[in-house]
């Protein structure tokens, strides 16, 4: 694990705060997406390497994540919703239809 620290100096304090806030927000979104893909879909363990397979699987994972995030009737995490879809075919149809 590495820790990075960035310092910015400016006489425009409100603009600096806005810039820093935007930078942190972007990093949070990016980190959150990769964390969910790694945890719920075990993306880091995927060994598809031939041709366009890795890109195709990444697209499928993003589509699946979008569908799982749209599911609002079950109040649990993405990984749990994914497992529910694996266990219950009618629930899977519901997630795919919405």
PDB file of N, CA and C in Angstrom:
ATOM      1  N   UNK A   1       0.846  -1.173   0.000  1.00  0.00           N
ATOM      2  CA  UNK A   1       0.000   0.000   0.000  1.00  0.00           C
ATOM      3  C   UNK A   1       0.888   1.233   0.000  1.00  0.00           C
ATOM      4  N   UNK A   2       0.549   2.181  -0.839  1.00  0.00           N
ATOM      5  CA  UNK A   2       1.311   3.416  -0.891  1.00  0.00           C
ATOM      6  C   UNK A   2       0.409   4.583  -0.536  1.00  0.00           C
ATOM      7  N   UNK A   3       1.005   5.583   0.022  1.00  0.00           N
ATOM      8  CA  UNK A   3       0.278   6.803   0.361  1.00  0.00           C
ATOM      9  C   UNK A   3       0.902   7.931  -0.424  1.00  0.00           C
ATOM     10  N   UNK A   4       0.063   8.665  -1.124  1.00  0.00           N
ATOM     11  CA  UNK A   4       0.536   9.801  -1.907  1.00  0.00           C
ATOM     12  C   UNK A   4      -0.036  11.068  -1.308  1.00  0.00           C
ATOM     13  N   UNK A   5       0.772  12.076  -1.237  1.00  0.00           N
ATOM     14  CA  UNK A   5       0.322  13.368  -0.732  1.00  0.00           C
ATOM     15  C   UNK A   5       0.661  14.415  -1.767  1.00  0.00           C
ATOM     16  N   UNK A   6      -0.324  15.224  -2.103  1.00  0.00           N
ATOM     17  CA  UNK A   6      -0.120  16.300  -3.063  1.00  0.00           C
ATOM     18  C   UNK A   6      -0.460  17.606  -2.384  1.00  0.00           C
ATOM     19  N   UNK A   7       0.394  18.577  -2.583  1.00  0.00           N
ATOM     20  CA  UNK A   7       0.176  19.896  -1.996  1.00  0.00           C
ATOM     21  C   UNK A   7       0.056  20.920  -3.113  1.00  0.00           C
ATOM     22  N   UNK A   8      -0.896  21.810  -2.968  1.00  0.00           N
ATOM     23  CA  UNK A   8      -1.119  22.857  -3.948  1.00  0.00           C
ATOM     24  C   UNK A   8      -1.102  24.199  -3.236  1.00  0.00           C
ATOM     25  N   UNK A   9      -0.404  25.154  -3.793  1.00  0.00           N
ATOM     26  CA  UNK A   9      -0.341  26.500  -3.242  1.00  0.00           C
ATOM     27  C   UNK A   9      -0.998  27.474  -4.204  1.00  0.00           C
ATOM     28  N   UNK A  10      -1.836  28.335  -3.646  1.00  0.00           N
ATOM     29  CA  UNK A  10      -2.497  29.324  -4.472  1.00  0.00           C
ATOM     30  C   UNK A  10      -3.046  30.426  -3.580  1.00  0.00           C
ATOM     31  N   UNK A  11      -3.167  31.598  -4.139  1.00  0.00           N
ATOM     32  CA  UNK A  11      -3.773  32.699  -3.384  1.00  0.00           C
ATOM     33  C   UNK A  11      -5.290  32.696  -3.540  1.00  0.00           C
ATOM     34  N   UNK A  12      -5.820  31.833  -4.382  1.00  0.00           N
ATOM     35  CA  UNK A  12      -7.251  31.747  -4.621  1.00  0.00           C
ATOM     36  C   UNK A  12      -7.817  30.572  -3.822  1.00  0.00           C
ATOM     37  N   UNK A  13      -8.103  30.787  -2.560  1.00  0.00           N
ATOM     38  CA  UNK A  13      -8.468  29.690  -1.666  1.00  0.00           C
ATOM     39  C   UNK A  13      -9.772  29.000  -2.060  1.00  0.00           C
ATOM     40  N   UNK A  14     -10.785  29.724  -2.492  1.00  0.00           N
ATOM     41  CA  UNK A  14     -12.048  29.075  -2.838  1.00  0.00           C
ATOM     42  C   UNK A  14     -11.894  28.207  -4.086  1.00  0.00           C
ATOM     43  N   UNK A  15     -11.114  28.659  -5.049  1.00  0.00           N
ATOM     44  CA  UNK A  15     -10.890  27.858  -6.254  1.00  0.00           C
ATOM     45  C   UNK A  15     -10.049  26.631  -5.941  1.00  0.00           C
ATOM     46  N   UNK A  16      -9.097  26.776  -5.052  1.00  0.00           N
ATOM     47  CA  UNK A  16      -8.259  25.636  -4.670  1.00  0.00           C
ATOM     48  C   UNK A  16      -9.109  24.587  -3.972  1.00  0.00           C
ATOM     49  N   UNK A  17      -9.972  25.034  -3.077  1.00  0.00           N
ATOM     50  CA  UNK A  17     -10.846  24.080  -2.389  1.00  0.00           C
ATOM     51  C   UNK A  17     -11.756  23.363  -3.388  1.00  0.00           C
ATOM     52  N   UNK A  18     -12.275  24.091  -4.352  1.00  0.00           N
ATOM     53  CA  UNK A  18     -13.135  23.477  -5.362  1.00  0.00           C
ATOM     54  C   UNK A  18     -12.350  22.469  -6.190  1.00  0.00           C
ATOM     55  N   UNK A  19     -11.120  22.813  -6.550  1.00  0.00           N
ATOM     56  CA  UNK A  19     -10.277  21.905  -7.325  1.00  0.00           C
ATOM     57  C   UNK A  19      -9.962  20.651  -6.516  1.00  0.00           C
ATOM     58  N   UNK A  20      -9.585  20.820  -5.262  1.00  0.00           N
ATOM     59  CA  UNK A  20      -9.250  19.678  -4.410  1.00  0.00           C
ATOM     60  C   UNK A  20     -10.470  18.781  -4.200  1.00  0.00           C
ATOM     61  N   UNK A  21     -11.605  19.388  -4.023  1.00  0.00           N
ATOM     62  CA  UNK A  21     -12.827  18.617  -3.835  1.00  0.00           C
ATOM     63  C   UNK A  21     -13.158  17.814  -5.092  1.00  0.00           C
ATOM     64  N   UNK A  22     -13.010  18.431  -6.252  1.00  0.00           N
ATOM     65  CA  UNK A  22     -13.276  17.733  -7.508  1.00  0.00           C
ATOM     66  C   UNK A  22     -12.290  16.579  -7.709  1.00  0.00           C
ATOM     67  N   UNK A  23     -11.028  16.798  -7.373  1.00  0.00           N
ATOM     68  CA  UNK A  23     -10.019  15.744  -7.527  1.00  0.00           C
ATOM     69  C   UNK A  23     -10.337  14.565  -6.604  1.00  0.00           C
ATOM     70  N   UNK A  24     -10.714  14.855  -5.352  1.00  0.00           N
ATOM     71  CA  UNK A  24     -11.061  13.783  -4.415  1.00  0.00           C
ATOM     72  C   UNK A  24     -12.318  13.047  -4.863  1.00  0.00           C
ATOM     73  N   UNK A  25     -13.300  13.774  -5.365  1.00  0.00           N
ATOM     74  CA  UNK A  25     -14.536  13.142  -5.812  1.00  0.00           C
ATOM     75  C   UNK A  25     -14.267  12.202  -6.987  1.00  0.00           C
ATOM     76  N   UNK A  26     -13.443  12.633  -7.940  1.00  0.00           N
ATOM     77  CA  UNK A  26     -13.123  11.782  -9.086  1.00  0.00           C
ATOM     78  C   UNK A  26     -12.398  10.525  -8.628  1.00  0.00           C
ATOM     79  N   UNK A  27     -11.450  10.685  -7.736  1.00  0.00           N
ATOM     80  CA  UNK A  27     -10.709   9.527  -7.233  1.00  0.00           C
ATOM     81  C   UNK A  27     -11.631   8.570  -6.494  1.00  0.00           C
ATOM     82  N   UNK A  28     -12.585   9.100  -5.745  1.00  0.00           N
ATOM     83  CA  UNK A  28     -13.525   8.255  -5.021  1.00  0.00           C
ATOM     84  C   UNK A  28     -14.399   7.437  -5.953  1.00  0.00           C
ATOM     85  N   UNK A  29     -14.869   8.046  -7.018  1.00  0.00           N
ATOM     86  CA  UNK A  29     -15.694   7.333  -7.992  1.00  0.00           C
ATOM     87  C   UNK A  29     -14.877   6.241  -8.661  1.00  0.00           C
ATOM     88  N   UNK A  30     -13.681   6.583  -9.095  1.00  0.00           N
ATOM     89  CA  UNK A  30     -12.816   5.617  -9.774  1.00  0.00           C
ATOM     90  C   UNK A  30     -12.455   4.465  -8.839  1.00  0.00           C
ATOM     91  N   UNK A  31     -12.096   4.780  -7.616  1.00  0.00           N
ATOM     92  CA  UNK A  31     -11.728   3.748  -6.643  1.00  0.00           C
ATOM     93  C   UNK A  31     -12.936   2.868  -6.324  1.00  0.00           C
ATOM     94  N   UNK A  32     -14.102   3.482  -6.175  1.00  0.00           N
ATOM     95  CA  UNK A  32     -15.305   2.722  -5.853  1.00  0.00           C
ATOM     96  C   UNK A  32     -15.679   1.736  -6.942  1.00  0.00           C
ATOM     97  N   UNK A  33     -15.577   2.139  -8.186  1.00  0.00           N
ATOM     98  CA  UNK A  33     -15.906   1.257  -9.302  1.00  0.00           C
ATOM     99  C   UNK A  33     -14.968   0.056  -9.332  1.00  0.00           C
ATOM    100  N   UNK A  34     -13.678   0.296  -9.238  1.00  0.00           N
ATOM    101  CA  UNK A  34     -12.714  -0.803  -9.292  1.00  0.00           C
ATOM    102  C   UNK A  34     -12.843  -1.715  -8.078  1.00  0.00           C
ATOM    103  N   UNK A  35     -13.166  -1.132  -6.928  1.00  0.00           N
ATOM    104  CA  UNK A  35     -13.322  -1.937  -5.713  1.00  0.00           C
ATOM    105  C   UNK A  35     -14.514  -2.873  -5.862  1.00  0.00           C
ATOM    106  N   UNK A  36     -15.632  -2.371  -6.380  1.00  0.00           N
ATOM    107  CA  UNK A  36     -16.817  -3.208  -6.565  1.00  0.00           C
ATOM    108  C   UNK A  36     -16.553  -4.300  -7.584  1.00  0.00           C
ATOM    109  N   UNK A  37     -15.893  -3.957  -8.691  1.00  0.00           N
ATOM    110  CA  UNK A  37     -15.591  -4.969  -9.704  1.00  0.00           C
ATOM    111  C   UNK A  37     -14.662  -6.048  -9.144  1.00  0.00           C
ATOM    112  N   UNK A  38     -13.707  -5.647  -8.328  1.00  0.00           N
ATOM    113  CA  UNK A  38     -12.773  -6.622  -7.754  1.00  0.00           C
ATOM    114  C   UNK A  38     -13.463  -7.491  -6.706  1.00  0.00           C
ATOM    115  N   UNK A  39     -14.338  -6.904  -5.906  1.00  0.00           N
ATOM    116  CA  UNK A  39     -14.979  -7.647  -4.826  1.00  0.00           C
ATOM    117  C   UNK A  39     -16.137  -8.498  -5.337  1.00  0.00           C
ATOM    118  N   UNK A  40     -17.081  -7.897  -6.042  1.00  0.00           N
ATOM    119  CA  UNK A  40     -18.296  -8.602  -6.431  1.00  0.00           C
ATOM    120  C   UNK A  40     -18.094  -9.524  -7.627  1.00  0.00           C
ATOM    121  N   UNK A  41     -17.218  -9.141  -8.542  1.00  0.00           N
ATOM    122  CA  UNK A  41     -17.034  -9.923  -9.762  1.00  0.00           C
ATOM    123  C   UNK A  41     -15.688 -10.646  -9.807  1.00  0.00           C
ATOM    124  N   UNK A  42     -14.854 -10.436  -8.800  1.00  0.00           N
ATOM    125  CA  UNK A  42     -13.523 -11.059  -8.723  1.00  0.00           C
ATOM    126  C   UNK A  42     -12.747 -10.825 -10.022  1.00  0.00           C
ATOM    127  N   UNK A  43     -12.785  -9.585 -10.484  1.00  0.00           N
ATOM    128  CA  UNK A  43     -12.180  -9.210 -11.754  1.00  0.00           C
ATOM    129  C   UNK A  43     -10.674  -9.477 -11.783  1.00  0.00           C
ATOM    130  N   UNK A  44     -10.009  -9.310 -10.658  1.00  0.00           N
ATOM    131  CA  UNK A  44      -8.562  -9.507 -10.611  1.00  0.00           C
ATOM    132  C   UNK A  44      -8.154 -10.955 -10.858  1.00  0.00           C
ATOM    133  N   UNK A  45      -9.078 -11.886 -10.639  1.00  0.00           N
ATOM    134  CA  UNK A  45      -8.771 -13.299 -10.814  1.00  0.00           C
ATOM    135  C   UNK A  45      -9.071 -13.810 -12.219  1.00  0.00           C
ATOM    136  N   UNK A  46      -9.619 -12.971 -13.070  1.00  0.00           N
ATOM    137  CA  UNK A  46      -9.964 -13.371 -14.435  1.00  0.00           C
ATOM    138  C   UNK A  46      -8.686 -13.626 -15.234  1.00  0.00           C
ATOM    139  N   UNK A  47      -8.639 -14.759 -15.922  1.00  0.00           N
ATOM    140  CA  UNK A  47      -7.442 -15.135 -16.670  1.00  0.00           C
ATOM    141  C   UNK A  47      -7.667 -15.126 -18.178  1.00  0.00           C
ATOM    142  N   UNK A  48      -8.683 -14.407 -18.626  1.00  0.00           N
ATOM    143  CA  UNK A  48      -8.947 -14.314 -20.068  1.00  0.00           C
ATOM    144  C   UNK A  48      -7.898 -13.405 -20.677  1.00  0.00           C
ATOM    145  N   UNK A  49      -7.124 -13.930 -21.620  1.00  0.00           N
ATOM    146  CA  UNK A  49      -6.018 -13.165 -22.189  1.00  0.00           C
ATOM    147  C   UNK A  49      -5.990 -13.173 -23.723  1.00  0.00           C
ATOM    148  N   UNK A  50      -6.770 -14.015 -24.366  1.00  0.00           N
ATOM    149  CA  UNK A  50      -6.678 -14.229 -25.811  1.00  0.00           C
ATOM    150  C   UNK A  50      -7.591 -13.249 -26.547  1.00  0.00           C
ATOM    151  N   UNK A  51      -7.057 -12.631 -27.576  1.00  0.00           N
ATOM    152  CA  UNK A  51      -7.848 -11.755 -28.430  1.00  0.00           C
ATOM    153  C   UNK A  51      -8.470 -10.592 -27.673  1.00  0.00           C
ATOM    154  N   UNK A  52      -9.752 -10.377 -27.936  1.00  0.00           N
ATOM    155  CA  UNK A  52     -10.479  -9.286 -27.293  1.00  0.00           C
ATOM    156  C   UNK A  52     -11.272  -9.775 -26.089  1.00  0.00           C
ATOM    157  N   UNK A  53     -10.965 -10.947 -25.615  1.00  0.00           N
ATOM    158  CA  UNK A  53     -11.722 -11.553 -24.516  1.00  0.00           C
ATOM    159  C   UNK A  53     -11.757 -10.710 -23.257  1.00  0.00           C
ATOM    160  N   UNK A  54     -10.618 -10.153 -22.866  1.00  0.00           N
ATOM    161  CA  UNK A  54     -10.572  -9.349 -21.640  1.00  0.00           C
ATOM    162  C   UNK A  54     -11.447  -8.107 -21.765  1.00  0.00           C
ATOM    163  N   UNK A  55     -11.392  -7.448 -22.914  1.00  0.00           N
ATOM    164  CA  UNK A  55     -12.237  -6.267 -23.135  1.00  0.00           C
ATOM    165  C   UNK A  55     -13.710  -6.634 -23.145  1.00  0.00           C
ATOM    166  N   UNK A  56     -14.040  -7.751 -23.794  1.00  0.00           N
ATOM    167  CA  UNK A  56     -15.431  -8.184 -23.856  1.00  0.00           C
ATOM    168  C   UNK A  56     -15.970  -8.510 -22.469  1.00  0.00           C
ATOM    169  N   UNK A  57     -15.176  -9.205 -21.662  1.00  0.00           N
ATOM    170  CA  UNK A  57     -15.607  -9.525 -20.307  1.00  0.00           C
ATOM    171  C   UNK A  57     -15.743  -8.263 -19.463  1.00  0.00           C
ATOM    172  N   UNK A  58     -14.872  -7.293 -19.653  1.00  0.00           N
ATOM    173  CA  UNK A  58     -14.976  -6.035 -18.911  1.00  0.00           C
ATOM    174  C   UNK A  58     -16.281  -5.318 -19.250  1.00  0.00           C
ATOM    175  N   UNK A  59     -16.649  -5.323 -20.516  1.00  0.00           N
ATOM    176  CA  UNK A  59     -17.915  -4.700 -20.930  1.00  0.00           C
ATOM    177  C   UNK A  59     -19.092  -5.436 -20.295  1.00  0.00           C
ATOM    178  N   UNK A  60     -19.058  -6.761 -20.320  1.00  0.00           N
ATOM    179  CA  UNK A  60     -20.138  -7.541 -19.710  1.00  0.00           C
ATOM    180  C   UNK A  60     -20.239  -7.281 -18.212  1.00  0.00           C
ATOM    181  N   UNK A  61     -19.099  -7.157 -17.543  1.00  0.00           N
ATOM    182  CA  UNK A  61     -19.125  -6.857 -16.107  1.00  0.00           C
ATOM    183  C   UNK A  61     -19.746  -5.496 -15.825  1.00  0.00           C
ATOM    184  N   UNK A  62     -19.419  -4.508 -16.652  1.00  0.00           N
ATOM    185  CA  UNK A  62     -19.988  -3.170 -16.460  1.00  0.00           C
ATOM    186  C   UNK A  62     -21.497  -3.167 -16.715  1.00  0.00           C
ATOM    187  N   UNK A  63     -21.943  -3.890 -17.720  1.00  0.00           N
ATOM    188  CA  UNK A  63     -23.383  -3.999 -17.988  1.00  0.00           C
ATOM    189  C   UNK A  63     -24.074  -4.687 -16.811  1.00  0.00           C
ATOM    190  N   UNK A  64     -23.490  -5.775 -16.333  1.00  0.00           N
ATOM    191  CA  UNK A  64     -24.068  -6.485 -15.195  1.00  0.00           C
ATOM    192  C   UNK A  64     -24.113  -5.594 -13.958  1.00  0.00           C
ATOM    193  N   UNK A  65     -23.048  -4.850 -13.724  1.00  0.00           N
ATOM    194  CA  UNK A  65     -23.020  -3.945 -12.565  1.00  0.00           C
ATOM    195  C   UNK A  65     -24.112  -2.886 -12.670  1.00  0.00           C
ATOM    196  N   UNK A  66     -24.315  -2.360 -13.861  1.00  0.00           N
ATOM    197  CA  UNK A  66     -25.376  -1.367 -14.064  1.00  0.00           C
ATOM    198  C   UNK A  66     -26.743  -1.970 -13.754  1.00  0.00           C
ATOM    199  N   UNK A  67     -26.996  -3.179 -14.228  1.00  0.00           N
ATOM    200  CA  UNK A  67     -28.273  -3.838 -13.958  1.00  0.00           C
ATOM    201  C   UNK A  67     -28.450  -4.126 -12.475  1.00  0.00           C
ATOM    202  N   UNK A  68     -27.395  -4.563 -11.814  1.00  0.00           N
ATOM    203  CA  UNK A  68     -27.486  -4.861 -10.387  1.00  0.00           C
ATOM    204  C   UNK A  68     -27.698  -3.597  -9.557  1.00  0.00           C
ATOM    205  N   UNK A  69     -27.113  -2.502  -9.969  1.00  0.00           N
ATOM    206  CA  UNK A  69     -27.303  -1.244  -9.244  1.00  0.00           C
ATOM    207  C   UNK A  69     -28.722  -0.715  -9.390  1.00  0.00           C
ATOM    208  N   UNK A  70     -29.403  -1.067 -10.467  1.00  0.00           N
ATOM    209  CA  UNK A  70     -30.776  -0.609 -10.685  1.00  0.00           C
ATOM    210  C   UNK A  70     -31.779  -1.394  -9.850  1.00  0.00           C
ATOM    211  N   UNK A  71     -31.383  -2.511  -9.297  1.00  0.00           N
ATOM    212  CA  UNK A  71     -32.271  -3.333  -8.475  1.00  0.00           C
ATOM    213  C   UNK A  71     -32.477  -2.640  -7.122  1.00  0.00           C
ATOM    214  N   UNK A  72     -33.712  -2.241  -6.844  1.00  0.00           N
ATOM    215  CA  UNK A  72     -34.016  -1.475  -5.628  1.00  0.00           C
ATOM    216  C   UNK A  72     -34.886  -2.223  -4.626  1.00  0.00           C
ATOM    217  N   UNK A  73     -35.397  -3.407  -4.977  1.00  0.00           N
ATOM    218  CA  UNK A  73     -36.295  -4.093  -4.053  1.00  0.00           C
ATOM    219  C   UNK A  73     -35.547  -4.826  -2.945  1.00  0.00           C
ATOM    220  N   UNK A  74     -34.325  -5.222  -3.196  1.00  0.00           N
ATOM    221  CA  UNK A  74     -33.517  -5.912  -2.194  1.00  0.00           C
ATOM    222  C   UNK A  74     -32.505  -4.934  -1.616  1.00  0.00           C
ATOM    223  N   UNK A  75     -32.484  -4.836  -0.315  1.00  0.00           N
ATOM    224  CA  UNK A  75     -31.587  -3.882   0.344  1.00  0.00           C
ATOM    225  C   UNK A  75     -30.326  -4.608   0.833  1.00  0.00           C
ATOM    226  N   UNK A  76     -29.446  -4.884  -0.106  1.00  0.00           N
ATOM    227  CA  UNK A  76     -28.171  -5.505   0.239  1.00  0.00           C
ATOM    228  C   UNK A  76     -27.147  -5.078  -0.799  1.00  0.00           C
ATOM    229  N   UNK A  77     -25.926  -5.538  -0.648  1.00  0.00           N
ATOM    230  CA  UNK A  77     -24.843  -5.128  -1.527  1.00  0.00           C
ATOM    231  C   UNK A  77     -24.891  -5.793  -2.893  1.00  0.00           C
ATOM    232  N   UNK A  78     -24.032  -5.306  -3.777  1.00  0.00           N
ATOM    233  CA  UNK A  78     -23.960  -5.811  -5.146  1.00  0.00           C
ATOM    234  C   UNK A  78     -23.607  -7.295  -5.169  1.00  0.00           C
ATOM    235  N   UNK A  79     -22.667  -7.696  -4.343  1.00  0.00           N
ATOM    236  CA  UNK A  79     -22.260  -9.099  -4.330  1.00  0.00           C
ATOM    237  C   UNK A  79     -23.418  -9.996  -3.893  1.00  0.00           C
ATOM    238  N   UNK A  80     -24.171  -9.550  -2.893  1.00  0.00           N
ATOM    239  CA  UNK A  80     -25.312 -10.339  -2.419  1.00  0.00           C
ATOM    240  C   UNK A  80     -26.413 -10.404  -3.477  1.00  0.00           C
ATOM    241  N   UNK A  81     -26.669  -9.308  -4.175  1.00  0.00           N
ATOM    242  CA  UNK A  81     -27.674  -9.317  -5.241  1.00  0.00           C
ATOM    243  C   UNK A  81     -27.236 -10.256  -6.356  1.00  0.00           C
ATOM    244  N   UNK A  82     -25.946 -10.242  -6.659  1.00  0.00           N
ATOM    245  CA  UNK A  82     -25.429 -11.146  -7.689  1.00  0.00           C
ATOM    246  C   UNK A  82     -25.620 -12.603  -7.276  1.00  0.00           C
ATOM    247  N   UNK A  83     -25.354 -12.910  -6.017  1.00  0.00           N
ATOM    248  CA  UNK A  83     -25.556 -14.271  -5.534  1.00  0.00           C
ATOM    249  C   UNK A  83     -27.031 -14.656  -5.569  1.00  0.00           C
ATOM    250  N   UNK A  84     -27.918 -13.728  -5.219  1.00  0.00           N
ATOM    251  CA  UNK A  84     -29.351 -14.002  -5.303  1.00  0.00           C
ATOM    252  C   UNK A  84     -29.761 -14.319  -6.737  1.00  0.00           C
ATOM    253  N   UNK A  85     -29.178 -13.614  -7.686  1.00  0.00           N
ATOM    254  CA  UNK A  85     -29.466 -13.894  -9.104  1.00  0.00           C
ATOM    255  C   UNK A  85     -28.991 -15.284  -9.495  1.00  0.00           C
ATOM    256  N   UNK A  86     -27.869 -15.723  -8.932  1.00  0.00           N
ATOM    257  CA  UNK A  86     -27.358 -17.061  -9.230  1.00  0.00           C
ATOM    258  C   UNK A  86     -28.259 -18.137  -8.637  1.00  0.00           C
ATOM    259  N   UNK A  87     -28.802 -17.877  -7.461  1.00  0.00           N
ATOM    260  CA  UNK A  87     -29.589 -18.882  -6.746  1.00  0.00           C
ATOM    261  C   UNK A  87     -31.040 -18.954  -7.215  1.00  0.00           C
ATOM    262  N   UNK A  88     -31.605 -17.833  -7.642  1.00  0.00           N
ATOM    263  CA  UNK A  88     -33.033 -17.765  -7.950  1.00  0.00           C
ATOM    264  C   UNK A  88     -33.229 -17.251  -9.376  1.00  0.00           C
ATOM    265  N   UNK A  89     -33.653 -18.135 -10.255  1.00  0.00           N
ATOM    266  CA  UNK A  89     -33.794 -17.766 -11.662  1.00  0.00           C
ATOM    267  C   UNK A  89     -34.896 -16.723 -11.871  1.00  0.00           C
ATOM    268  N   UNK A  90     -35.951 -16.773 -11.083  1.00  0.00           N
ATOM    269  CA  UNK A  90     -37.018 -15.770 -11.230  1.00  0.00           C
ATOM    270  C   UNK A  90     -36.519 -14.386 -10.807  1.00  0.00           C
ATOM    271  N   UNK A  91     -35.671 -14.335  -9.796  1.00  0.00           N
ATOM    272  CA  UNK A  91     -35.087 -13.051  -9.379  1.00  0.00           C
ATOM    273  C   UNK A  91     -34.140 -12.523 -10.463  1.00  0.00           C
ATOM    274  N   UNK A  92     -33.386 -13.419 -11.088  1.00  0.00           N
ATOM    275  CA  UNK A  92     -32.504 -13.036 -12.192  1.00  0.00           C
ATOM    276  C   UNK A  92     -33.319 -12.436 -13.336  1.00  0.00           C
ATOM    277  N   UNK A  93     -34.430 -13.067 -13.674  1.00  0.00           N
ATOM    278  CA  UNK A  93     -35.292 -12.522 -14.733  1.00  0.00           C
ATOM    279  C   UNK A  93     -35.800 -11.139 -14.369  1.00  0.00           C
ATOM    280  N   UNK A  94     -36.138 -10.956 -13.090  1.00  0.00           N
ATOM    281  CA  UNK A  94     -36.619  -9.649 -12.625  1.00  0.00           C
ATOM    282  C   UNK A  94     -35.534  -8.580 -12.780  1.00  0.00           C
ATOM    283  N   UNK A  95     -34.300  -8.910 -12.417  1.00  0.00           N
ATOM    284  CA  UNK A  95     -33.190  -7.956 -12.537  1.00  0.00           C
ATOM    285  C   UNK A  95     -32.926  -7.631 -14.007  1.00  0.00           C
ATOM    286  N   UNK A  96     -32.976  -8.630 -14.860  1.00  0.00           N
ATOM    287  CA  UNK A  96     -32.718  -8.412 -16.282  1.00  0.00           C
ATOM    288  C   UNK A  96     -33.847  -7.649 -16.968  1.00  0.00           C
ATOM    289  N   UNK A  97     -35.079  -7.820 -16.495  1.00  0.00           N
ATOM    290  CA  UNK A  97     -36.234  -7.178 -17.130  1.00  0.00           C
ATOM    291  C   UNK A  97     -36.356  -5.709 -16.740  1.00  0.00           C
ATOM    292  N   UNK A  98     -35.899  -5.329 -15.571  1.00  0.00           N
ATOM    293  CA  UNK A  98     -36.061  -3.936 -15.119  1.00  0.00           C
ATOM    294  C   UNK A  98     -35.098  -2.997 -15.731  1.00  0.00           C
TER     295      UNK A  98
END
